[in-house]
PDB file of all heavy atoms in Angstrom:
ATOM      1  N   ASP A   1     239.874 260.899 -12.885  1.00  0.00           N
ATOM      2  CA  ASP A   1     239.614 262.109 -13.674  1.00  0.00           C
ATOM      3  C   ASP A   1     238.134 262.383 -13.875  1.00  0.00           C
ATOM      4  O   ASP A   1     237.746 263.519 -14.151  1.00  0.00           O
ATOM      5  CB  ASP A   1     240.291 262.008 -15.036  1.00  0.00           C
ATOM      6  CG  ASP A   1     241.798 262.094 -14.974  1.00  0.00           C
ATOM      7  OD1 ASP A   1     242.345 262.216 -13.864  1.00  0.00           O
ATOM      8  OD2 ASP A   1     242.432 262.037 -16.043  1.00  0.00           O
ATOM      9  N   ARG A   2     237.289 261.365 -13.742  1.00  0.00           N
ATOM     10  CA  ARG A   2     235.859 261.512 -13.977  1.00  0.00           C
ATOM     11  C   ARG A   2     235.061 261.672 -12.684  1.00  0.00           C
ATOM     12  O   ARG A   2     233.828 261.615 -12.717  1.00  0.00           O
ATOM     13  CB  ARG A   2     235.328 260.328 -14.773  1.00  0.00           C
ATOM     14  CG  ARG A   2     235.984 260.163 -16.135  1.00  0.00           C
ATOM     15  CD  ARG A   2     235.747 261.377 -17.007  1.00  0.00           C
ATOM     16  NE  ARG A   2     236.337 261.219 -18.334  1.00  0.00           N
ATOM     17  CZ  ARG A   2     236.338 262.138 -19.272  1.00  0.00           C
ATOM     18  NH1 ARG A   2     235.765 263.319 -19.040  1.00  0.00           N
ATOM     19  NH2 ARG A   2     236.900 261.902 -20.439  1.00  0.00           N
ATOM     20  N   TYR A   3     235.731 261.869 -11.572  1.00  0.00           N
ATOM     21  CA  TYR A   3     235.064 262.058 -10.285  1.00  0.00           C
ATOM     22  C   TYR A   3     235.013 263.527  -9.913  1.00  0.00           C
ATOM     23  O   TYR A   3     236.027 264.222  -9.956  1.00  0.00           O
ATOM     24  CB  TYR A   3     235.791 261.297  -9.181  1.00  0.00           C
ATOM     25  CG  TYR A   3     235.511 259.819  -9.142  1.00  0.00           C
ATOM     26  CD1 TYR A   3     236.133 258.956 -10.031  1.00  0.00           C
ATOM     27  CD2 TYR A   3     234.632 259.293  -8.205  1.00  0.00           C
ATOM     28  CE1 TYR A   3     235.877 257.601 -10.005  1.00  0.00           C
ATOM     29  CE2 TYR A   3     234.377 257.937  -8.169  1.00  0.00           C
ATOM     30  CZ  TYR A   3     235.004 257.098  -9.068  1.00  0.00           C
ATOM     31  OH  TYR A   3     234.751 255.750  -9.019  1.00  0.00           O
ATOM     32  N   GLY A   4     233.820 263.979  -9.542  1.00  0.00           N
ATOM     33  CA  GLY A   4     233.717 265.244  -8.858  1.00  0.00           C
ATOM     34  C   GLY A   4     234.226 265.071  -7.440  1.00  0.00           C
ATOM     35  O   GLY A   4     233.990 264.039  -6.812  1.00  0.00           O
ATOM     36  N   MET A   5     234.922 266.069  -6.933  1.00  0.00           N
ATOM     37  CA  MET A   5     235.541 265.971  -5.620  1.00  0.00           C
ATOM     38  C   MET A   5     235.085 267.127  -4.741  1.00  0.00           C
ATOM     39  O   MET A   5     234.799 268.220  -5.234  1.00  0.00           O
ATOM     40  CB  MET A   5     237.061 266.000  -5.726  1.00  0.00           C
ATOM     41  CG  MET A   5     237.656 264.903  -6.592  1.00  0.00           C
ATOM     42  SD  MET A   5     237.527 263.264  -5.821  1.00  0.00           S
ATOM     43  CE  MET A   5     238.636 263.466  -4.430  1.00  0.00           C
ATOM     44  N   GLY A   6     235.049 266.881  -3.435  1.00  0.00           N
ATOM     45  CA  GLY A   6     234.647 267.927  -2.516  1.00  0.00           C
ATOM     46  C   GLY A   6     235.302 267.790  -1.162  1.00  0.00           C
ATOM     47  O   GLY A   6     235.833 266.737  -0.805  1.00  0.00           O
ATOM     48  N   TRP A   7     235.268 268.879  -0.414  1.00  0.00           N
ATOM     49  CA  TRP A   7     235.705 268.914   0.973  1.00  0.00           C
ATOM     50  C   TRP A   7     234.515 269.243   1.869  1.00  0.00           C
ATOM     51  O   TRP A   7     233.721 270.144   1.559  1.00  0.00           O
ATOM     52  CB  TRP A   7     236.796 269.964   1.199  1.00  0.00           C
ATOM     53  CG  TRP A   7     238.136 269.600   0.640  1.00  0.00           C
ATOM     54  CD1 TRP A   7     238.668 269.994  -0.546  1.00  0.00           C
ATOM     55  CD2 TRP A   7     239.121 268.775   1.266  1.00  0.00           C
ATOM     56  NE1 TRP A   7     239.922 269.476  -0.708  1.00  0.00           N
ATOM     57  CE2 TRP A   7     240.228 268.716   0.391  1.00  0.00           C
ATOM     58  CE3 TRP A   7     239.183 268.087   2.474  1.00  0.00           C
ATOM     59  CZ2 TRP A   7     241.382 267.993   0.694  1.00  0.00           C
ATOM     60  CZ3 TRP A   7     240.326 267.359   2.767  1.00  0.00           C
ATOM     61  CH2 TRP A   7     241.404 267.325   1.885  1.00  0.00           C
ATOM     62  N   PHE A   8     234.417 268.524   2.975  1.00  0.00           N
ATOM     63  CA  PHE A   8     233.412 268.767   3.995  1.00  0.00           C
ATOM     64  C   PHE A   8     234.105 268.835   5.349  1.00  0.00           C
ATOM     65  O   PHE A   8     235.247 268.397   5.497  1.00  0.00           O
ATOM     66  CB  PHE A   8     232.353 267.663   4.009  1.00  0.00           C
ATOM     67  CG  PHE A   8     231.473 267.650   2.790  1.00  0.00           C
ATOM     68  CD1 PHE A   8     231.927 267.128   1.585  1.00  0.00           C
ATOM     69  CD2 PHE A   8     230.187 268.173   2.844  1.00  0.00           C
ATOM     70  CE1 PHE A   8     231.118 267.121   0.461  1.00  0.00           C
ATOM     71  CE2 PHE A   8     229.366 268.169   1.720  1.00  0.00           C
ATOM     72  CZ  PHE A   8     229.835 267.645   0.531  1.00  0.00           C
ATOM     73  N   ARG A   9     233.409 269.378   6.340  1.00  0.00           N
ATOM     74  CA  ARG A   9     233.970 269.413   7.680  1.00  0.00           C
ATOM     75  C   ARG A   9     232.878 269.164   8.709  1.00  0.00           C
ATOM     76  O   ARG A   9     231.702 269.421   8.470  1.00  0.00           O
ATOM     77  CB  ARG A   9     234.676 270.744   7.958  1.00  0.00           C
ATOM     78  CG  ARG A   9     233.763 271.960   7.977  1.00  0.00           C
ATOM     79  CD  ARG A   9     234.592 273.230   8.079  1.00  0.00           C
ATOM     80  NE  ARG A   9     233.760 274.418   8.170  1.00  0.00           N
ATOM     81  CZ  ARG A   9     234.240 275.660   8.159  1.00  0.00           C
ATOM     82  NH1 ARG A   9     235.555 275.868   8.060  1.00  0.00           N
ATOM     83  NH2 ARG A   9     233.405 276.694   8.249  1.00  0.00           N
ATOM     84  N   GLN A  10     233.292 268.669   9.868  1.00  0.00           N
ATOM     85  CA  GLN A  10     232.345 268.355  10.925  1.00  0.00           C
ATOM     86  C   GLN A  10     232.968 268.645  12.290  1.00  0.00           C
ATOM     87  O   GLN A  10     234.017 268.107  12.626  1.00  0.00           O
ATOM     88  CB  GLN A  10     231.911 266.892  10.849  1.00  0.00           C
ATOM     89  CG  GLN A  10     230.790 266.537  11.801  1.00  0.00           C
ATOM     90  CD  GLN A  10     230.183 265.185  11.486  1.00  0.00           C
ATOM     91  OE1 GLN A  10     230.808 264.348  10.827  1.00  0.00           O
ATOM     92  NE2 GLN A  10     228.961 264.966  11.929  1.00  0.00           N
ATOM     93  N   ALA A  11     232.309 269.497  13.048  1.00  0.00           N
ATOM     94  CA  ALA A  11     232.696 269.798  14.412  1.00  0.00           C
ATOM     95  C   ALA A  11     231.848 268.958  15.363  1.00  0.00           C
ATOM     96  O   ALA A  11     230.753 268.519  15.004  1.00  0.00           O
ATOM     97  CB  ALA A  11     232.516 271.284  14.701  1.00  0.00           C
ATOM     98  N   PRO A  12     232.325 268.731  16.595  1.00  0.00           N
ATOM     99  CA  PRO A  12     231.553 267.929  17.550  1.00  0.00           C
ATOM    100  C   PRO A  12     230.151 268.476  17.763  1.00  0.00           C
ATOM    101  O   PRO A  12     229.968 269.678  17.966  1.00  0.00           O
ATOM    102  CB  PRO A  12     232.381 268.025  18.831  1.00  0.00           C
ATOM    103  CG  PRO A  12     233.773 268.253  18.356  1.00  0.00           C
ATOM    104  CD  PRO A  12     233.630 269.123  17.147  1.00  0.00           C
ATOM    105  N   GLY A  13     229.163 267.596  17.686  1.00  0.00           N
ATOM    106  CA  GLY A  13     227.785 267.985  17.874  1.00  0.00           C
ATOM    107  C   GLY A  13     227.150 268.686  16.696  1.00  0.00           C
ATOM    108  O   GLY A  13     225.987 269.104  16.789  1.00  0.00           O
ATOM    109  N   LYS A  14     227.873 268.822  15.596  1.00  0.00           N
ATOM    110  CA  LYS A  14     227.373 269.508  14.415  1.00  0.00           C
ATOM    111  C   LYS A  14     227.201 268.540  13.255  1.00  0.00           C
ATOM    112  O   LYS A  14     227.828 267.480  13.210  1.00  0.00           O
ATOM    113  CB  LYS A  14     228.326 270.630  13.995  1.00  0.00           C
ATOM    114  CG  LYS A  14     228.549 271.701  15.038  1.00  0.00           C
ATOM    115  CD  LYS A  14     227.324 272.569  15.211  1.00  0.00           C
ATOM    116  CE  LYS A  14     227.615 273.739  16.132  1.00  0.00           C
ATOM    117  NZ  LYS A  14     226.433 274.629  16.273  1.00  0.00           N
ATOM    118  N   GLU A  15     226.351 268.929  12.319  1.00  0.00           N
ATOM    119  CA  GLU A  15     226.204 268.167  11.088  1.00  0.00           C
ATOM    120  C   GLU A  15     227.416 268.386  10.197  1.00  0.00           C
ATOM    121  O   GLU A  15     228.081 269.421  10.271  1.00  0.00           O
ATOM    122  CB  GLU A  15     224.936 268.587  10.350  1.00  0.00           C
ATOM    123  CG  GLU A  15     223.648 268.311  11.086  1.00  0.00           C
ATOM    124  CD  GLU A  15     223.342 266.838  11.171  1.00  0.00           C
ATOM    125  OE1 GLU A  15     223.679 266.097  10.227  1.00  0.00           O
ATOM    126  OE2 GLU A  15     222.771 266.411  12.183  1.00  0.00           O
ATOM    127  N   ARG A  16     227.687 267.409   9.362  1.00  0.00           N
ATOM    128  CA  ARG A  16     228.747 267.563   8.382  1.00  0.00           C
ATOM    129  C   ARG A  16     228.336 268.640   7.374  1.00  0.00           C
ATOM    130  O   ARG A  16     227.242 268.578   6.798  1.00  0.00           O
ATOM    131  CB  ARG A  16     229.013 266.237   7.682  1.00  0.00           C
ATOM    132  CG  ARG A  16     230.235 266.239   6.788  1.00  0.00           C
ATOM    133  CD  ARG A  16     230.627 264.816   6.391  1.00  0.00           C
ATOM    134  NE  ARG A  16     230.984 264.022   7.556  1.00  0.00           N
ATOM    135  CZ  ARG A  16     231.464 262.783   7.488  1.00  0.00           C
ATOM    136  NH1 ARG A  16     231.646 262.197   6.313  1.00  0.00           N
ATOM    137  NH2 ARG A  16     231.760 262.123   8.604  1.00  0.00           N
ATOM    138  N   GLU A  17     229.196 269.629   7.164  1.00  0.00           N
ATOM    139  CA  GLU A  17     228.846 270.750   6.305  1.00  0.00           C
ATOM    140  C   GLU A  17     229.766 270.857   5.099  1.00  0.00           C
ATOM    141  O   GLU A  17     230.951 270.534   5.152  1.00  0.00           O
ATOM    142  CB  GLU A  17     228.847 272.070   7.091  1.00  0.00           C
ATOM    143  CG  GLU A  17     230.209 272.512   7.577  1.00  0.00           C
ATOM    144  CD  GLU A  17     230.186 273.909   8.178  1.00  0.00           C
ATOM    145  OE1 GLU A  17     229.307 274.716   7.807  1.00  0.00           O
ATOM    146  OE2 GLU A  17     231.060 274.196   9.029  1.00  0.00           O
ATOM    147  N   PHE A  18     229.197 271.354   4.031  1.00  0.00           N
ATOM    148  CA  PHE A  18     229.915 271.557   2.789  1.00  0.00           C
ATOM    149  C   PHE A  18     230.950 272.662   2.931  1.00  0.00           C
ATOM    150  O   PHE A  18     230.688 273.697   3.550  1.00  0.00           O
ATOM    151  CB  PHE A  18     228.914 271.918   1.690  1.00  0.00           C
ATOM    152  CG  PHE A  18     229.542 272.415   0.425  1.00  0.00           C
ATOM    153  CD1 PHE A  18     230.142 271.542  -0.458  1.00  0.00           C
ATOM    154  CD2 PHE A  18     229.528 273.763   0.115  1.00  0.00           C
ATOM    155  CE1 PHE A  18     230.720 272.000  -1.630  1.00  0.00           C
ATOM    156  CE2 PHE A  18     230.098 274.233  -1.042  1.00  0.00           C
ATOM    157  CZ  PHE A  18     230.698 273.344  -1.917  1.00  0.00           C
ATOM    158  N   VAL A  19     232.123 272.443   2.333  1.00  0.00           N
ATOM    159  CA  VAL A  19     233.182 273.441   2.315  1.00  0.00           C
ATOM    160  C   VAL A  19     233.462 273.914   0.891  1.00  0.00           C
ATOM    161  O   VAL A  19     233.408 275.106   0.598  1.00  0.00           O
ATOM    162  CB  VAL A  19     234.476 272.909   2.956  1.00  0.00           C
ATOM    163  CG1 VAL A  19     235.605 273.923   2.819  1.00  0.00           C
ATOM    164  CG2 VAL A  19     234.242 272.561   4.419  1.00  0.00           C
ATOM    165  N   ALA A  20     233.773 272.972  -0.006  1.00  0.00           N
ATOM    166  CA  ALA A  20     234.117 273.333  -1.378  1.00  0.00           C
ATOM    167  C   ALA A  20     234.024 272.106  -2.268  1.00  0.00           C
ATOM    168  O   ALA A  20     234.146 270.971  -1.803  1.00  0.00           O
ATOM    169  CB  ALA A  20     235.525 273.925  -1.459  1.00  0.00           C
ATOM    170  N   THR A  21     233.825 272.325  -3.558  1.00  0.00           N
ATOM    171  CA  THR A  21     233.824 271.238  -4.525  1.00  0.00           C
ATOM    172  C   THR A  21     234.495 271.705  -5.806  1.00  0.00           C
ATOM    173  O   THR A  21     234.584 272.908  -6.072  1.00  0.00           O
ATOM    174  CB  THR A  21     232.396 270.732  -4.806  1.00  0.00           C
ATOM    175  OG1 THR A  21     232.450 269.546  -5.606  1.00  0.00           O
ATOM    176  CG2 THR A  21     231.566 271.785  -5.524  1.00  0.00           C
ATOM    177  N   ILE A  22     234.960 270.741  -6.601  1.00  0.00           N
ATOM    178  CA  ILE A  22     235.724 271.042  -7.809  1.00  0.00           C
ATOM    179  C   ILE A  22     235.353 270.056  -8.908  1.00  0.00           C
ATOM    180  O   ILE A  22     235.088 268.885  -8.648  1.00  0.00           O
ATOM    181  CB  ILE A  22     237.235 271.025  -7.503  1.00  0.00           C
ATOM    182  CG1 ILE A  22     238.051 271.572  -8.672  1.00  0.00           C
ATOM    183  CG2 ILE A  22     237.699 269.621  -7.124  1.00  0.00           C
ATOM    184  CD1 ILE A  22     239.503 271.862  -8.291  1.00  0.00           C
ATOM    185  N   SER A  23     235.340 270.548 -10.152  1.00  0.00           N
ATOM    186  CA  SER A  23     234.969 269.731 -11.293  1.00  0.00           C
ATOM    187  C   SER A  23     236.100 268.793 -11.695  1.00  0.00           C
ATOM    188  O   SER A  23     237.207 268.849 -11.158  1.00  0.00           O
ATOM    189  CB  SER A  23     234.592 270.628 -12.469  1.00  0.00           C
ATOM    190  OG  SER A  23     235.702 271.400 -12.893  1.00  0.00           O
ATOM    191  N   TRP A  24     235.820 267.938 -12.678  1.00  0.00           N
ATOM    192  CA  TRP A  24     236.817 266.977 -13.151  1.00  0.00           C
ATOM    193  C   TRP A  24     238.114 267.656 -13.583  1.00  0.00           C
ATOM    194  O   TRP A  24     239.209 267.187 -13.240  1.00  0.00           O
ATOM    195  CB  TRP A  24     236.277 266.190 -14.343  1.00  0.00           C
ATOM    196  CG  TRP A  24     235.063 265.386 -14.063  1.00  0.00           C
ATOM    197  CD1 TRP A  24     234.668 264.863 -12.864  1.00  0.00           C
ATOM    198  CD2 TRP A  24     234.080 264.992 -15.017  1.00  0.00           C
ATOM    199  NE1 TRP A  24     233.496 264.169 -13.012  1.00  0.00           N
ATOM    200  CE2 TRP A  24     233.117 264.228 -14.329  1.00  0.00           C
ATOM    201  CE3 TRP A  24     233.918 265.202 -16.385  1.00  0.00           C
ATOM    202  CZ2 TRP A  24     232.008 263.683 -14.956  1.00  0.00           C
ATOM    203  CZ3 TRP A  24     232.808 264.653 -17.018  1.00  0.00           C
ATOM    204  CH2 TRP A  24     231.870 263.909 -16.310  1.00  0.00           C
ATOM    205  N   SER A  25     237.989 268.726 -14.345  1.00  0.00           N
ATOM    206  CA  SER A  25     239.154 269.415 -14.886  1.00  0.00           C
ATOM    207  C   SER A  25     239.792 270.374 -13.888  1.00  0.00           C
ATOM    208  O   SER A  25     240.927 270.808 -14.097  1.00  0.00           O
ATOM    209  CB  SER A  25     238.768 270.188 -16.138  1.00  0.00           C
ATOM    210  OG  SER A  25     237.892 271.249 -15.825  1.00  0.00           O
ATOM    211  N   GLY A  26     239.072 270.713 -12.828  1.00  0.00           N
ATOM    212  CA  GLY A  26     239.530 271.726 -11.900  1.00  0.00           C
ATOM    213  C   GLY A  26     239.137 273.129 -12.300  1.00  0.00           C
ATOM    214  O   GLY A  26     239.431 274.083 -11.571  1.00  0.00           O
ATOM    215  N   ASP A  27     238.457 273.275 -13.425  1.00  0.00           N
ATOM    216  CA  ASP A  27     238.115 274.586 -13.958  1.00  0.00           C
ATOM    217  C   ASP A  27     236.997 275.266 -13.180  1.00  0.00           C
ATOM    218  O   ASP A  27     236.967 276.497 -13.102  1.00  0.00           O
ATOM    219  CB  ASP A  27     237.715 274.448 -15.426  1.00  0.00           C
ATOM    220  CG  ASP A  27     237.470 275.768 -16.101  1.00  0.00           C
ATOM    221  OD1 ASP A  27     238.379 276.624 -16.076  1.00  0.00           O
ATOM    222  OD2 ASP A  27     236.372 275.959 -16.653  1.00  0.00           O
ATOM    223  N   ALA A  28     236.077 274.488 -12.628  1.00  0.00           N
ATOM    224  CA  ALA A  28     234.933 275.039 -11.914  1.00  0.00           C
ATOM    225  C   ALA A  28     235.023 274.695 -10.436  1.00  0.00           C
ATOM    226  O   ALA A  28     235.256 273.541 -10.074  1.00  0.00           O
ATOM    227  CB  ALA A  28     233.633 274.513 -12.503  1.00  0.00           C
ATOM    228  N   GLN A  29     234.811 275.704  -9.585  1.00  0.00           N
ATOM    229  CA  GLN A  29     234.896 275.536  -8.144  1.00  0.00           C
ATOM    230  C   GLN A  29     233.715 276.231  -7.476  1.00  0.00           C
ATOM    231  O   GLN A  29     233.273 277.284  -7.927  1.00  0.00           O
ATOM    232  CB  GLN A  29     236.197 276.135  -7.608  1.00  0.00           C
ATOM    233  CG  GLN A  29     237.450 275.587  -8.269  1.00  0.00           C
ATOM    234  CD  GLN A  29     238.595 276.572  -8.225  1.00  0.00           C
ATOM    235  OE1 GLN A  29     238.636 277.435  -7.359  1.00  0.00           O
ATOM    236  NE2 GLN A  29     239.519 276.439  -9.156  1.00  0.00           N
ATOM    237  N   ILE A  30     233.227 275.638  -6.398  1.00  0.00           N
ATOM    238  CA  ILE A  30     232.157 276.222  -5.601  1.00  0.00           C
ATOM    239  C   ILE A  30     232.585 276.197  -4.143  1.00  0.00           C
ATOM    240  O   ILE A  30     233.116 275.197  -3.664  1.00  0.00           O
ATOM    241  CB  ILE A  30     230.835 275.453  -5.774  1.00  0.00           C
ATOM    242  CG1 ILE A  30     230.421 275.402  -7.248  1.00  0.00           C
ATOM    243  CG2 ILE A  30     229.725 276.102  -4.946  1.00  0.00           C
ATOM    244  CD1 ILE A  30     229.214 274.516  -7.505  1.00  0.00           C
ATOM    245  N   TYR A  31     232.326 277.298  -3.438  1.00  0.00           N
ATOM    246  CA  TYR A  31     232.721 277.422  -2.041  1.00  0.00           C
ATOM    247  C   TYR A  31     231.540 277.782  -1.163  1.00  0.00           C
ATOM    248  O   TYR A  31     230.630 278.506  -1.579  1.00  0.00           O
ATOM    249  CB  TYR A  31     233.783 278.508  -1.869  1.00  0.00           C
ATOM    250  CG  TYR A  31     235.074 278.231  -2.586  1.00  0.00           C
ATOM    251  CD1 TYR A  31     235.290 278.699  -3.875  1.00  0.00           C
ATOM    252  CD2 TYR A  31     236.080 277.501  -1.969  1.00  0.00           C
ATOM    253  CE1 TYR A  31     236.482 278.444  -4.536  1.00  0.00           C
ATOM    254  CE2 TYR A  31     237.272 277.241  -2.619  1.00  0.00           C
ATOM    255  CZ  TYR A  31     237.468 277.720  -3.908  1.00  0.00           C
ATOM    256  OH  TYR A  31     238.648 277.464  -4.556  1.00  0.00           O
ATOM    257  N   ALA A  32     231.565 277.283   0.063  1.00  0.00           N
ATOM    258  CA  ALA A  32     230.618 277.744   1.058  1.00  0.00           C
ATOM    259  C   ALA A  32     230.900 279.206   1.376  1.00  0.00           C
ATOM    260  O   ALA A  32     232.049 279.656   1.342  1.00  0.00           O
ATOM    261  CB  ALA A  32     230.722 276.904   2.326  1.00  0.00           C
ATOM    262  N   ASP A  33     229.849 279.955   1.696  1.00  0.00           N
ATOM    263  CA  ASP A  33     230.021 281.372   1.998  1.00  0.00           C
ATOM    264  C   ASP A  33     230.993 281.601   3.153  1.00  0.00           C
ATOM    265  O   ASP A  33     231.721 282.596   3.173  1.00  0.00           O
ATOM    266  CB  ASP A  33     228.671 282.005   2.335  1.00  0.00           C
ATOM    267  CG  ASP A  33     227.781 282.159   1.121  1.00  0.00           C
ATOM    268  OD1 ASP A  33     228.291 282.113  -0.015  1.00  0.00           O
ATOM    269  OD2 ASP A  33     226.561 282.331   1.307  1.00  0.00           O
TER     270      ASP A  33
END
């Protein structure tokens, strides 16, 4: 419950990129454009 969580993705030959993250409660979310 006290961990911030996120999703990332990586295609071949590419850097790992941010996708989305979520707060402990799930109330706050941030997304890549």
